[in-house]
N, C-alpha and C. Protein backbone atom coordinates (compact mmCIF):
# COMPACT_ATOMS: atom_id res chain seq x y z
N MET A 1 1.07 -1.53 -0.18
CA MET A 1 -0.55 -0.15 0.10
C MET A 1 1.37 1.20 0.19
N ILE A 2 0.40 2.53 -1.12
CA ILE A 2 1.02 3.48 -0.84
C ILE A 2 0.93 4.45 0.37
N THR A 3 2.40 5.21 0.98
CA THR A 3 1.39 5.91 1.56
C THR A 3 1.55 7.23 1.51
N VAL A 4 0.54 7.97 1.50
CA VAL A 4 0.97 9.91 0.87
C VAL A 4 0.32 10.56 2.32
N TRP A 5 1.41 11.60 2.17
CA TRP A 5 0.94 12.12 3.39
C TRP A 5 0.76 14.22 2.61
N SER A 6 0.15 14.15 3.01
CA SER A 6 -0.30 15.91 2.09
C SER A 6 1.00 16.89 3.14
N THR A 7 -0.39 18.15 2.17
CA THR A 7 0.76 19.19 2.93
C THR A 7 -0.27 19.81 4.17
N LYS A 8 -0.97 19.80 4.41
CA LYS A 8 -1.92 19.57 6.01
C LYS A 8 -1.83 18.76 6.27
N GLY A 9 -0.44 17.55 6.64
CA GLY A 9 -0.10 16.37 7.34
C GLY A 9 -1.21 15.40 7.43
N ALA A 10 -1.80 14.85 6.64
CA ALA A 10 -3.11 14.22 6.49
C ALA A 10 -2.68 12.98 5.59
N ARG A 11 -2.67 11.97 6.21
CA ARG A 11 -2.20 10.44 5.36
C ARG A 11 -3.94 10.25 4.30
N PHE A 12 -3.01 10.18 2.97
CA PHE A 12 -4.64 9.67 2.38
C PHE A 12 -3.86 8.34 1.70
N THR A 13 -4.53 7.39 1.23
CA THR A 13 -4.37 6.47 -0.02
C THR A 13 -4.42 6.56 -1.65
N LYS A 14 -3.59 5.33 -2.64
CA LYS A 14 -4.25 6.05 -4.31
C LYS A 14 -4.96 6.16 -4.59
N ALA A 15 -6.14 5.62 -3.51
CA ALA A 15 -7.89 5.40 -4.20
C ALA A 15 -7.46 6.99 -4.18
N ASP A 16 -8.02 7.33 -2.34
CA ASP A 16 -7.91 8.47 -2.31
C ASP A 16 -7.23 9.58 -2.80
N GLU A 17 -5.76 10.21 -3.19
CA GLU A 17 -4.66 10.68 -4.64
C GLU A 17 -5.94 10.46 -5.58
N LEU A 18 -6.35 9.21 -6.53
CA LEU A 18 -7.06 8.97 -8.00
C LEU A 18 -8.13 9.66 -7.71
N ARG A 19 -8.95 9.80 -6.87
CA ARG A 19 -10.34 10.60 -7.00
C ARG A 19 -9.83 12.73 -6.75
N ASP A 20 -9.31 13.17 -6.27
CA ASP A 20 -8.60 13.58 -6.19
C ASP A 20 -8.46 14.51 -7.48
N GLU A 21 -7.51 13.57 -8.02
CA GLU A 21 -7.18 14.22 -9.17
C GLU A 21 -8.45 13.93 -10.00
N LYS A 22 -9.57 13.71 -10.02
CA LYS A 22 -10.39 14.02 -11.07
C LYS A 22 -11.08 15.18 -10.63
N ILE A 23 -10.99 15.87 -9.14
CA ILE A 23 -11.81 17.44 -9.69
C ILE A 23 -10.81 18.01 -9.92
N PRO A 24 -11.96 19.39 -10.63
CA PRO A 24 -11.88 20.14 -11.57
C PRO A 24 -11.12 21.21 -10.80
N ARG A 25 -9.14 21.47 -11.38
CA ARG A 25 -8.60 22.66 -10.92
C ARG A 25 -8.44 23.56 -11.97
N THR A 26 -7.65 24.97 -10.69
CA THR A 26 -7.95 26.49 -10.87
C THR A 26 -6.84 26.77 -10.82
N ALA A 27 -5.44 26.07 -10.93
CA ALA A 27 -4.09 25.94 -10.42
C ALA A 27 -3.83 26.71 -11.80
N HIS A 28 -2.81 27.82 -11.87
CA HIS A 28 -2.57 28.32 -13.26
C HIS A 28 -0.79 28.74 -12.65
N ASP A 29 -0.53 29.68 -13.78
CA ASP A 29 1.20 29.57 -13.36
C ASP A 29 1.85 28.52 -12.26
N CYS A 30 2.08 26.50 -13.17
CA CYS A 30 2.69 26.18 -12.46
C CYS A 30 3.53 25.65 -12.94
N GLY A 31 4.88 25.75 -12.58
CA GLY A 31 5.68 25.32 -12.72
C GLY A 31 7.33 24.10 -11.51
N LEU A 32 7.68 23.01 -12.63
CA LEU A 32 8.64 22.43 -11.83
C LEU A 32 10.16 23.17 -11.11
N ASP A 33 10.44 23.17 -10.99
CA ASP A 33 11.46 24.31 -10.38
C ASP A 33 13.17 23.35 -10.31
N GLU A 34 12.75 22.42 -9.51
CA GLU A 34 14.20 21.56 -9.42
C GLU A 34 13.56 19.84 -8.84
N ALA A 35 14.09 19.07 -10.14
CA ALA A 35 13.88 17.43 -9.58
C ALA A 35 15.12 16.89 -9.91
N LYS A 36 15.30 16.06 -8.80
CA LYS A 36 17.33 15.25 -8.48
C LYS A 36 15.83 13.88 -8.32
N VAL A 37 16.71 13.13 -9.14
CA VAL A 37 16.49 11.06 -8.46
C VAL A 37 18.14 10.83 -8.42
N HIS A 38 18.11 10.04 -6.67
CA HIS A 38 19.08 8.84 -7.15
C HIS A 38 18.84 8.00 -6.62
N PHE A 39 19.64 7.18 -6.54
CA PHE A 39 19.40 5.85 -6.97
C PHE A 39 19.75 4.71 -6.35
N PHE A 40 19.45 3.89 -5.69
CA PHE A 40 19.56 3.06 -4.61
C PHE A 40 19.21 1.69 -5.29
N GLY A 41 21.12 1.23 -6.20
CA GLY A 41 20.87 -0.11 -6.96
C GLY A 41 19.90 0.41 -8.41
N ASP A 42 19.25 -0.88 -7.82
CA ASP A 42 18.75 -1.51 -10.35
C ASP A 42 17.46 -1.19 -9.27
N SER A 43 16.65 -0.84 -8.10
CA SER A 43 14.94 -1.44 -8.23
C SER A 43 14.55 -0.22 -7.13
N VAL A 44 15.15 0.82 -6.05
CA VAL A 44 14.85 1.86 -5.36
C VAL A 44 15.62 3.01 -5.80
N ALA A 45 14.50 4.35 -6.62
CA ALA A 45 14.85 5.35 -6.36
C ALA A 45 14.25 6.31 -5.00
N VAL A 46 15.07 7.75 -5.06
CA VAL A 46 14.63 8.66 -4.52
C VAL A 46 14.05 10.22 -5.68
N VAL A 47 13.38 10.70 -5.50
CA VAL A 47 13.09 11.93 -6.25
C VAL A 47 11.96 12.76 -5.64
N TYR A 48 12.74 14.06 -5.59
CA TYR A 48 12.57 15.02 -4.64
C TYR A 48 13.30 16.26 -5.32
N GLY A 49 12.50 17.44 -4.86
CA GLY A 49 12.50 19.10 -6.22
C GLY A 49 10.98 19.65 -4.90
N HIS A 50 10.86 20.98 -5.92
CA HIS A 50 10.58 22.00 -5.59
C HIS A 50 9.41 22.38 -6.31
N GLU A 51 8.94 22.86 -6.19
CA GLU A 51 7.42 23.28 -7.52
C GLU A 51 6.38 24.78 -6.93
N ARG A 52 5.80 25.13 -7.36
CA ARG A 52 5.07 25.86 -7.63
C ARG A 52 4.03 25.98 -8.43
N ALA A 53 2.05 27.08 -7.69
CA ALA A 53 1.24 27.10 -8.77
C ALA A 53 0.76 28.36 -8.17
N VAL A 54 0.01 29.13 -8.88
CA VAL A 54 -0.92 29.89 -8.27
C VAL A 54 -2.33 29.64 -8.42
N GLY A 55 -2.87 29.88 -7.76
CA GLY A 55 -4.75 29.70 -7.11
C GLY A 55 -4.96 27.81 -6.72
N LYS A 56 -3.57 27.26 -6.27
CA LYS A 56 -3.58 25.97 -6.11
C LYS A 56 -5.06 26.11 -4.70
N ASP A 57 -5.18 26.55 -4.29
CA ASP A 57 -5.41 26.42 -2.47
C ASP A 57 -7.04 27.06 -2.97
N ALA A 58 -7.68 26.01 -2.75
CA ALA A 58 -9.92 27.22 -2.93
C ALA A 58 -9.16 27.78 -1.83
N ALA A 59 -9.16 27.58 -0.44
CA ALA A 59 -9.51 29.32 0.39
C ALA A 59 -9.31 30.36 0.00
N GLN A 60 -7.64 30.10 -0.94
CA GLN A 60 -7.69 31.76 -1.43
C GLN A 60 -6.48 31.83 -3.01
N PRO A 61 -7.70 31.85 -3.78
CA PRO A 61 -7.96 31.55 -5.13
C PRO A 61 -6.65 32.13 -6.38
N SER A 62 -6.17 33.24 -5.18
CA SER A 62 -4.94 34.00 -5.99
C SER A 62 -3.64 34.25 -5.74
N ALA A 63 -3.34 32.77 -4.79
CA ALA A 63 -2.15 32.55 -3.66
C ALA A 63 -1.13 32.42 -4.17
N LYS A 64 -0.02 32.53 -4.63
CA LYS A 64 1.25 31.71 -4.50
C LYS A 64 1.67 29.92 -3.73
N VAL A 65 1.39 29.30 -4.55
CA VAL A 65 1.65 28.00 -3.15
C VAL A 65 3.01 27.44 -4.44
N CYS A 66 3.89 27.00 -2.49
CA CYS A 66 5.12 26.42 -3.10
C CYS A 66 5.75 25.11 -1.60
N GLN A 67 6.19 24.31 -3.11
CA GLN A 67 5.93 22.88 -2.01
C GLN A 67 7.68 22.23 -2.16
N VAL A 68 7.63 21.14 -1.69
CA VAL A 68 8.80 20.87 -1.55
C VAL A 68 8.12 19.30 -1.69
N TRP A 69 8.87 18.36 -2.59
CA TRP A 69 8.53 17.06 -2.50
C TRP A 69 9.13 16.06 -2.46
N THR A 70 8.97 14.94 -1.42
CA THR A 70 9.83 13.67 -2.23
C THR A 70 9.00 12.18 -2.66
N ASP A 71 9.37 11.13 -3.21
CA ASP A 71 9.17 10.84 -4.06
C ASP A 71 9.84 9.29 -3.72
N THR A 72 9.18 8.29 -2.41
CA THR A 72 9.80 6.73 -3.19
C THR A 72 9.48 5.66 -4.18
N TRP A 73 10.97 5.48 -5.23
CA TRP A 73 10.20 4.25 -6.77
C TRP A 73 10.47 3.22 -5.93
N LEU A 74 9.93 2.43 -6.38
CA LEU A 74 10.49 0.73 -6.67
C LEU A 74 10.24 0.39 -7.80
N LYS A 75 11.12 -0.37 -8.54
CA LYS A 75 10.82 -1.49 -9.18
C LYS A 75 10.57 -2.79 -9.04
N ARG A 76 9.20 -2.73 -9.52
CA ARG A 76 8.74 -3.90 -9.49
C ARG A 76 8.51 -4.46 -10.90
N ASP A 77 8.36 -5.60 -11.77
CA ASP A 77 8.34 -6.69 -12.91
C ASP A 77 8.10 -5.67 -13.81
N GLY A 78 9.36 -5.18 -13.07
CA GLY A 78 10.08 -3.82 -14.92
C GLY A 78 9.22 -2.79 -14.65
N THR A 79 8.18 -2.58 -13.80
CA THR A 79 7.58 -1.61 -14.32
C THR A 79 8.00 -0.52 -12.34
N TRP A 80 7.89 0.61 -12.74
CA TRP A 80 8.48 2.18 -11.68
C TRP A 80 7.23 2.11 -10.95
N GLN A 81 7.05 2.38 -9.54
CA GLN A 81 5.93 3.27 -8.75
C GLN A 81 6.20 3.40 -7.60
N VAL A 82 5.53 4.70 -7.17
CA VAL A 82 5.35 5.57 -6.40
C VAL A 82 5.40 4.37 -4.20
N ILE A 83 6.11 4.57 -4.14
CA ILE A 83 5.92 3.67 -2.78
C ILE A 83 5.64 4.27 -1.41
N ALA A 84 5.90 5.32 -2.21
CA ALA A 84 5.48 6.64 -0.91
C ALA A 84 6.27 7.87 -0.52
N SER A 85 5.32 8.87 -0.65
CA SER A 85 4.80 9.85 -1.03
C SER A 85 4.60 10.94 -0.05
N HIS A 86 5.64 12.66 -0.26
CA HIS A 86 5.68 13.66 1.22
C HIS A 86 5.36 14.35 0.20
N ASP A 87 4.55 15.63 1.18
CA ASP A 87 4.91 16.81 0.57
C ASP A 87 4.74 18.36 1.65
N ASN A 88 5.17 19.06 1.64
CA ASN A 88 5.89 20.08 2.67
C ASN A 88 5.52 21.70 1.75
N ARG A 89 4.77 22.28 2.43
CA ARG A 89 4.52 23.29 1.87
C ARG A 89 4.83 24.59 1.84
N VAL A 90 6.10 25.33 0.89
CA VAL A 90 7.12 26.50 2.01
C VAL A 90 6.65 27.49 1.97
N GLU A 91 7.92 28.43 2.29
CA GLU A 91 7.49 30.10 1.69
C GLU A 91 7.97 29.44 -0.02
N CYS A 92 6.94 30.91 -0.92
CA CYS A 92 7.71 30.74 -2.01
C CYS A 92 9.18 32.12 -1.37
N LYS A 93 9.71 32.06 -2.88
CA LYS A 93 10.99 33.01 -3.41
C LYS A 93 11.01 33.08 -3.86
């Protein structure tokens, strides 16, 4: 089972994430500022980076939102899958 932590500290499942992805988005001016990958052998990788968007927060539709994240990937039967993910909001620079 994948473990995902939201920027608000809540844990949610893969089914929760897939359901959330179907909700219409109003974010714009999105950007991936950095992403780095570190491999551990042939079957584990950790990817981390930071990104930004405007309007991602429904409570503040014109606010710029920035976050850092870490995803852990595992290669199973020749396919890479995310097995853990963590996002954290940070101050936009």
